[in-house]
């Protein structure tokens, strides 16, 4: 199943993707693409203690990740007015400027869950086939 939805000015990109997955009962999905712009950016950089934060206009040049009603893992790349691109792990706080069009593909034969992993310190993806879950 494919889903396409549009976000409007002021909406939080990550929060709205999670809300959409929950409302549409998405068990296992991927973000195929997302295009638009933000006026406020916030994401975690690899290996960094803090967050990248900026209050300026950026074009969304890439969004990719796994989504489900049980959580998500999303990365984003943004380009500024000079064409410089930054990116990282999407967090709450990326606020849509004029628009953002999001396309998600859902896989009916899989189920994504997230379980805390002591070795990484994060909730990590667990993939199950629906047929395996039905056997239990």
N, C-alpha and C. Protein backbone atom coordinates (compact mmCIF):
# COMPACT_ATOMS: atom_id res chain seq x y z
N UNK A 1 0.85 -1.17 0.00
CA UNK A 1 0.00 0.00 0.00
C UNK A 1 0.90 1.24 0.00
N UNK A 2 0.53 2.22 -0.77
CA UNK A 2 1.25 3.48 -0.82
C UNK A 2 0.40 4.59 -0.22
N UNK A 3 1.07 5.48 0.50
CA UNK A 3 0.41 6.62 1.12
C UNK A 3 1.13 7.89 0.69
N UNK A 4 0.37 8.92 0.43
CA UNK A 4 0.93 10.22 0.10
C UNK A 4 0.13 11.27 0.88
N UNK A 5 0.85 12.14 1.57
CA UNK A 5 0.17 13.20 2.31
C UNK A 5 1.02 14.46 2.30
N UNK A 6 0.37 15.56 2.58
CA UNK A 6 1.03 16.86 2.53
C UNK A 6 0.99 17.53 3.90
N UNK A 7 2.13 18.05 4.30
CA UNK A 7 2.22 18.82 5.53
C UNK A 7 2.24 20.31 5.19
N UNK A 8 1.78 21.11 6.13
CA UNK A 8 1.68 22.56 5.91
C UNK A 8 2.54 23.32 6.91
N UNK A 9 2.66 24.60 6.66
CA UNK A 9 3.51 25.48 7.45
C UNK A 9 3.27 25.30 8.96
N UNK A 10 4.38 25.15 9.67
CA UNK A 10 4.34 25.06 11.12
C UNK A 10 4.27 23.66 11.67
N UNK A 11 3.95 22.67 10.83
CA UNK A 11 3.86 21.30 11.33
C UNK A 11 5.28 20.73 11.53
N UNK A 12 5.40 19.86 12.50
CA UNK A 12 6.67 19.22 12.82
C UNK A 12 6.80 17.94 12.00
N UNK A 13 7.84 17.86 11.18
CA UNK A 13 7.99 16.75 10.23
C UNK A 13 7.97 15.39 10.91
N UNK A 14 8.79 15.18 11.91
CA UNK A 14 8.85 13.87 12.56
C UNK A 14 7.54 13.52 13.28
N UNK A 15 7.02 14.46 14.03
CA UNK A 15 5.78 14.20 14.78
C UNK A 15 4.64 13.84 13.83
N UNK A 16 4.56 14.52 12.70
CA UNK A 16 3.47 14.26 11.75
C UNK A 16 3.63 12.92 11.05
N UNK A 17 4.86 12.51 10.77
CA UNK A 17 5.09 11.19 10.16
C UNK A 17 4.67 10.09 11.14
N UNK A 18 5.08 10.24 12.40
CA UNK A 18 4.70 9.26 13.43
C UNK A 18 3.18 9.21 13.59
N UNK A 19 2.56 10.38 13.66
CA UNK A 19 1.09 10.46 13.80
C UNK A 19 0.40 9.78 12.62
N UNK A 20 0.90 10.01 11.42
CA UNK A 20 0.31 9.40 10.24
C UNK A 20 0.42 7.87 10.30
N UNK A 21 1.59 7.37 10.69
CA UNK A 21 1.80 5.92 10.79
C UNK A 21 0.84 5.30 11.81
N UNK A 22 0.67 5.98 12.94
CA UNK A 22 -0.24 5.48 13.97
C UNK A 22 -1.69 5.50 13.49
N UNK A 23 -2.11 6.62 12.91
CA UNK A 23 -3.50 6.76 12.46
C UNK A 23 -3.86 5.80 11.33
N UNK A 24 -2.88 5.42 10.53
CA UNK A 24 -3.12 4.53 9.40
C UNK A 24 -2.71 3.09 9.67
N UNK A 25 -2.38 2.82 10.95
CA UNK A 25 -2.06 1.47 11.39
C UNK A 25 -0.97 0.83 10.51
N UNK A 26 0.07 1.60 10.23
CA UNK A 26 1.18 1.09 9.41
C UNK A 26 2.07 0.22 10.28
N UNK A 27 2.14 -1.07 9.95
CA UNK A 27 2.98 -2.01 10.69
C UNK A 27 4.43 -2.00 10.25
N UNK A 28 4.67 -1.75 8.96
CA UNK A 28 6.02 -1.76 8.41
C UNK A 28 6.04 -0.89 7.16
N UNK A 29 6.79 0.19 7.21
CA UNK A 29 6.83 1.08 6.06
C UNK A 29 8.17 1.74 5.89
N UNK A 30 8.37 2.27 4.69
CA UNK A 30 9.57 3.04 4.39
C UNK A 30 9.15 4.37 3.80
N UNK A 31 9.95 5.38 4.05
CA UNK A 31 9.72 6.67 3.41
C UNK A 31 10.37 6.60 2.04
N UNK A 32 9.55 6.67 1.00
CA UNK A 32 10.07 6.62 -0.37
C UNK A 32 10.67 7.96 -0.75
N UNK A 33 10.00 9.04 -0.35
CA UNK A 33 10.54 10.38 -0.59
C UNK A 33 9.76 11.39 0.22
N UNK A 34 10.36 12.55 0.37
CA UNK A 34 9.69 13.69 0.98
C UNK A 34 10.36 14.93 0.40
N UNK A 35 9.56 15.83 -0.13
CA UNK A 35 10.09 17.06 -0.71
C UNK A 35 9.34 18.25 -0.15
N UNK A 36 10.07 19.32 0.06
CA UNK A 36 9.48 20.52 0.60
C UNK A 36 10.55 21.38 1.22
N UNK A 37 10.17 22.12 2.25
CA UNK A 37 11.13 23.01 2.89
C UNK A 37 10.77 23.19 4.37
N UNK A 38 11.78 23.60 5.12
CA UNK A 38 11.60 23.89 6.54
C UNK A 38 12.15 25.28 6.84
N UNK A 39 11.62 25.90 7.90
CA UNK A 39 12.15 27.18 8.34
C UNK A 39 12.90 27.05 9.66
N UNK A 40 12.82 25.86 10.22
CA UNK A 40 13.56 25.56 11.43
C UNK A 40 14.03 24.12 11.33
N UNK A 41 15.33 23.91 11.55
CA UNK A 41 15.91 22.57 11.41
C UNK A 41 16.44 22.09 12.76
N UNK A 42 16.26 20.80 13.01
CA UNK A 42 16.81 20.19 14.23
C UNK A 42 17.00 18.71 13.96
N UNK A 43 18.24 18.25 14.11
CA UNK A 43 18.54 16.83 13.97
C UNK A 43 19.83 16.51 14.71
N UNK A 44 20.03 15.22 14.95
CA UNK A 44 21.23 14.76 15.66
C UNK A 44 22.29 14.37 14.65
N UNK A 45 23.51 14.83 14.89
CA UNK A 45 24.64 14.48 14.04
C UNK A 45 25.29 13.20 14.56
N UNK A 46 25.90 12.45 13.67
CA UNK A 46 26.55 11.20 14.06
C UNK A 46 27.66 11.49 15.08
N UNK A 47 27.64 10.74 16.17
CA UNK A 47 28.68 10.86 17.19
C UNK A 47 28.63 12.13 18.02
N UNK A 48 27.65 12.99 17.78
CA UNK A 48 27.58 14.26 18.49
C UNK A 48 26.79 14.12 19.79
N UNK A 49 27.14 14.94 20.75
CA UNK A 49 26.41 14.94 22.02
C UNK A 49 25.13 15.77 21.91
N UNK A 50 25.19 16.83 21.13
CA UNK A 50 24.04 17.72 21.02
C UNK A 50 23.34 17.56 19.69
N UNK A 51 22.67 18.62 19.29
CA UNK A 51 21.88 18.62 18.07
C UNK A 51 22.32 19.74 17.15
N UNK A 52 22.10 19.56 15.85
CA UNK A 52 22.24 20.64 14.89
C UNK A 52 20.92 21.40 14.94
N UNK A 53 20.98 22.69 15.17
CA UNK A 53 19.77 23.51 15.23
C UNK A 53 20.00 24.80 14.46
N UNK A 54 19.04 25.17 13.63
CA UNK A 54 19.14 26.42 12.87
C UNK A 54 17.74 26.94 12.57
N UNK A 55 17.60 28.24 12.68
CA UNK A 55 16.34 28.89 12.33
C UNK A 55 16.58 29.68 11.06
N UNK A 56 16.47 28.98 9.94
CA UNK A 56 16.61 29.58 8.61
C UNK A 56 15.92 28.67 7.61
N UNK A 57 15.73 29.17 6.40
CA UNK A 57 15.06 28.38 5.37
C UNK A 57 16.00 27.34 4.78
N UNK A 58 15.50 26.11 4.65
CA UNK A 58 16.22 25.01 4.02
C UNK A 58 15.28 24.28 3.06
N UNK A 59 15.84 23.81 1.97
CA UNK A 59 15.12 22.87 1.10
C UNK A 59 15.36 21.47 1.63
N UNK A 60 14.33 20.65 1.64
CA UNK A 60 14.50 19.24 1.98
C UNK A 60 14.99 18.54 0.71
N UNK A 61 16.19 17.99 0.76
CA UNK A 61 16.73 17.32 -0.43
C UNK A 61 16.66 15.80 -0.30
N UNK A 62 16.46 15.31 0.92
CA UNK A 62 16.34 13.86 1.10
C UNK A 62 15.74 13.56 2.48
N UNK A 63 14.84 12.61 2.51
CA UNK A 63 14.34 12.04 3.75
C UNK A 63 14.22 10.55 3.49
N UNK A 64 14.78 9.75 4.38
CA UNK A 64 14.71 8.31 4.23
C UNK A 64 14.57 7.66 5.60
N UNK A 65 13.93 6.51 5.66
CA UNK A 65 13.81 5.86 6.95
C UNK A 65 12.76 4.77 6.98
N UNK A 66 12.68 4.12 8.13
CA UNK A 66 11.67 3.11 8.38
C UNK A 66 10.64 3.70 9.34
N UNK A 67 9.37 3.35 9.11
CA UNK A 67 8.29 3.87 9.94
C UNK A 67 7.31 2.76 10.26
N UNK A 68 6.71 2.88 11.42
CA UNK A 68 5.62 1.98 11.81
C UNK A 68 4.87 2.63 12.96
N UNK A 69 3.76 2.03 13.32
CA UNK A 69 3.00 2.54 14.46
C UNK A 69 3.77 2.32 15.76
N UNK A 70 4.86 1.55 15.70
CA UNK A 70 5.69 1.25 16.87
C UNK A 70 6.95 2.09 16.94
N UNK A 71 7.11 3.07 16.05
CA UNK A 71 8.29 3.91 16.09
C UNK A 71 8.89 4.10 14.71
N UNK A 72 9.93 4.90 14.67
CA UNK A 72 10.54 5.20 13.39
C UNK A 72 12.03 5.46 13.55
N UNK A 73 12.72 5.46 12.42
CA UNK A 73 14.14 5.81 12.34
C UNK A 73 14.29 6.55 11.02
N UNK A 74 14.48 7.87 11.10
CA UNK A 74 14.45 8.71 9.91
C UNK A 74 15.69 9.59 9.85
N UNK A 75 16.28 9.70 8.66
CA UNK A 75 17.38 10.62 8.41
C UNK A 75 16.92 11.68 7.42
N UNK A 76 17.53 12.87 7.52
CA UNK A 76 17.15 13.99 6.66
C UNK A 76 18.39 14.72 6.18
N UNK A 77 18.32 15.23 4.95
CA UNK A 77 19.35 16.13 4.40
C UNK A 77 18.66 17.41 3.98
N UNK A 78 19.28 18.53 4.32
CA UNK A 78 18.74 19.85 4.03
C UNK A 78 19.79 20.69 3.34
N UNK A 79 19.34 21.54 2.42
CA UNK A 79 20.24 22.41 1.68
C UNK A 79 19.88 23.87 1.96
N UNK A 80 20.91 24.70 2.24
CA UNK A 80 20.65 26.11 2.54
C UNK A 80 20.67 26.96 1.27
N UNK A 81 20.56 28.28 1.42
CA UNK A 81 20.47 29.18 0.27
C UNK A 81 21.74 29.23 -0.56
N UNK A 82 22.85 28.72 -0.02
CA UNK A 82 24.10 28.67 -0.77
C UNK A 82 24.35 27.28 -1.36
N UNK A 83 23.42 26.38 -1.14
CA UNK A 83 23.55 25.03 -1.65
C UNK A 83 24.33 24.09 -0.75
N UNK A 84 24.73 24.55 0.40
CA UNK A 84 25.43 23.69 1.35
C UNK A 84 24.42 22.74 1.97
N UNK A 85 24.81 21.49 2.06
CA UNK A 85 23.90 20.46 2.56
C UNK A 85 24.38 19.91 3.89
N UNK A 86 23.44 19.76 4.82
CA UNK A 86 23.70 19.17 6.13
C UNK A 86 22.64 18.10 6.36
N UNK A 87 22.96 17.16 7.22
CA UNK A 87 21.96 16.13 7.49
C UNK A 87 22.31 15.30 8.70
N UNK A 88 21.34 14.50 9.11
CA UNK A 88 21.52 13.64 10.25
C UNK A 88 20.23 12.94 10.62
N UNK A 89 20.16 12.51 11.86
CA UNK A 89 19.03 11.76 12.41
C UNK A 89 17.91 12.73 12.78
N UNK A 90 16.78 12.64 12.10
CA UNK A 90 15.65 13.55 12.32
C UNK A 90 15.13 13.46 13.76
N UNK A 91 14.95 14.62 14.36
CA UNK A 91 14.36 14.71 15.70
C UNK A 91 13.18 15.66 15.63
N UNK A 92 12.44 15.76 16.72
CA UNK A 92 11.39 16.76 16.79
C UNK A 92 12.02 18.13 16.62
N UNK A 93 11.32 19.03 15.94
CA UNK A 93 11.81 20.39 15.81
C UNK A 93 12.12 20.83 14.40
N UNK A 94 11.95 19.95 13.39
CA UNK A 94 12.07 20.37 11.99
C UNK A 94 10.69 20.85 11.57
N UNK A 95 10.55 22.16 11.43
CA UNK A 95 9.24 22.75 11.18
C UNK A 95 9.06 23.12 9.71
N UNK A 96 7.96 22.66 9.15
CA UNK A 96 7.67 22.85 7.73
C UNK A 96 7.45 24.33 7.43
N UNK A 97 8.01 24.78 6.30
CA UNK A 97 7.80 26.14 5.85
C UNK A 97 6.53 26.18 5.00
N UNK A 98 6.64 26.19 3.69
CA UNK A 98 5.42 26.28 2.88
C UNK A 98 4.71 24.95 2.72
N UNK A 99 5.49 23.88 2.53
CA UNK A 99 4.88 22.56 2.28
C UNK A 99 5.91 21.45 2.45
N UNK A 100 5.41 20.24 2.60
CA UNK A 100 6.22 19.03 2.51
C UNK A 100 5.31 17.91 2.05
N UNK A 101 5.70 17.26 0.97
CA UNK A 101 4.94 16.14 0.42
C UNK A 101 5.67 14.85 0.79
N UNK A 102 4.98 13.96 1.48
CA UNK A 102 5.60 12.73 2.00
C UNK A 102 4.96 11.52 1.33
N UNK A 103 5.80 10.59 0.87
CA UNK A 103 5.33 9.34 0.26
C UNK A 103 5.88 8.17 1.08
N UNK A 104 4.98 7.32 1.55
CA UNK A 104 5.35 6.16 2.35
C UNK A 104 4.83 4.90 1.68
N UNK A 105 5.67 3.88 1.62
CA UNK A 105 5.24 2.57 1.13
C UNK A 105 5.14 1.64 2.33
N UNK A 106 4.01 0.95 2.44
CA UNK A 106 3.76 0.03 3.54
C UNK A 106 3.83 -1.41 3.03
N UNK A 107 4.38 -2.29 3.85
CA UNK A 107 4.52 -3.70 3.49
C UNK A 107 3.61 -4.54 4.39
N UNK A 108 2.55 -5.08 3.79
CA UNK A 108 1.54 -5.81 4.56
C UNK A 108 2.04 -7.13 5.13
N UNK A 109 3.12 -7.68 4.58
CA UNK A 109 3.60 -8.99 5.04
C UNK A 109 4.69 -8.88 6.12
N UNK A 110 4.98 -7.66 6.59
CA UNK A 110 5.99 -7.47 7.64
C UNK A 110 5.43 -6.67 8.80
N UNK A 111 6.12 -6.81 9.93
CA UNK A 111 5.79 -6.08 11.14
C UNK A 111 7.09 -5.55 11.74
N UNK A 112 7.17 -4.23 11.94
CA UNK A 112 8.35 -3.61 12.54
C UNK A 112 8.06 -3.32 14.01
N UNK A 113 9.02 -3.65 14.84
CA UNK A 113 8.95 -3.29 16.25
C UNK A 113 10.29 -2.67 16.62
N UNK A 114 10.35 -2.03 17.76
CA UNK A 114 11.59 -1.42 18.24
C UNK A 114 11.80 -1.87 19.68
N UNK A 115 12.99 -2.42 19.92
CA UNK A 115 13.34 -2.95 21.24
C UNK A 115 14.67 -2.34 21.66
N UNK A 116 14.75 -1.95 22.94
CA UNK A 116 15.99 -1.35 23.44
C UNK A 116 17.13 -2.35 23.32
N UNK A 117 18.26 -1.87 22.80
CA UNK A 117 19.46 -2.68 22.61
C UNK A 117 20.56 -2.11 23.51
N UNK A 118 20.98 -2.90 24.50
CA UNK A 118 22.02 -2.45 25.44
C UNK A 118 23.31 -2.07 24.73
N UNK A 119 23.63 -2.74 23.63
CA UNK A 119 24.90 -2.48 22.95
C UNK A 119 24.93 -1.15 22.21
N UNK A 120 23.76 -0.61 21.82
CA UNK A 120 23.73 0.66 21.11
C UNK A 120 23.17 1.81 21.97
N UNK A 121 22.35 1.45 22.95
CA UNK A 121 21.73 2.47 23.78
C UNK A 121 20.47 3.06 23.17
N UNK A 122 19.98 2.43 22.10
CA UNK A 122 18.78 2.92 21.41
C UNK A 122 17.79 1.78 21.21
N UNK A 123 16.54 2.15 20.93
CA UNK A 123 15.57 1.16 20.50
C UNK A 123 15.90 0.83 19.05
N UNK A 124 16.14 -0.44 18.76
CA UNK A 124 16.54 -0.87 17.42
C UNK A 124 15.43 -1.68 16.76
N UNK A 125 15.49 -1.70 15.45
CA UNK A 125 14.47 -2.35 14.63
C UNK A 125 14.50 -3.86 14.77
N UNK A 126 13.32 -4.42 14.95
CA UNK A 126 13.10 -5.87 14.90
C UNK A 126 12.09 -6.10 13.77
N UNK A 127 12.46 -6.93 12.80
CA UNK A 127 11.60 -7.20 11.65
C UNK A 127 11.04 -8.61 11.78
N UNK A 128 9.72 -8.70 11.66
CA UNK A 128 9.06 -10.01 11.70
C UNK A 128 8.14 -10.12 10.50
N UNK A 129 8.00 -11.33 10.00
CA UNK A 129 7.01 -11.58 8.96
C UNK A 129 5.67 -11.81 9.65
N UNK A 130 4.62 -11.28 9.07
CA UNK A 130 3.28 -11.42 9.65
C UNK A 130 2.92 -12.89 9.85
N UNK A 131 3.30 -13.72 8.91
CA UNK A 131 2.97 -15.17 9.03
C UNK A 131 3.61 -15.78 10.27
N UNK A 132 4.80 -15.30 10.67
CA UNK A 132 5.45 -15.80 11.88
C UNK A 132 4.70 -15.36 13.13
N UNK A 133 4.18 -14.15 13.11
CA UNK A 133 3.44 -13.60 14.26
C UNK A 133 2.14 -14.37 14.44
N UNK A 134 1.48 -14.72 13.34
CA UNK A 134 0.20 -15.43 13.40
C UNK A 134 0.37 -16.84 13.95
N UNK A 135 1.56 -17.44 13.78
CA UNK A 135 1.82 -18.80 14.28
C UNK A 135 1.93 -18.85 15.79
N UNK A 136 2.32 -17.72 16.39
CA UNK A 136 2.56 -17.67 17.85
C UNK A 136 1.28 -17.61 18.63
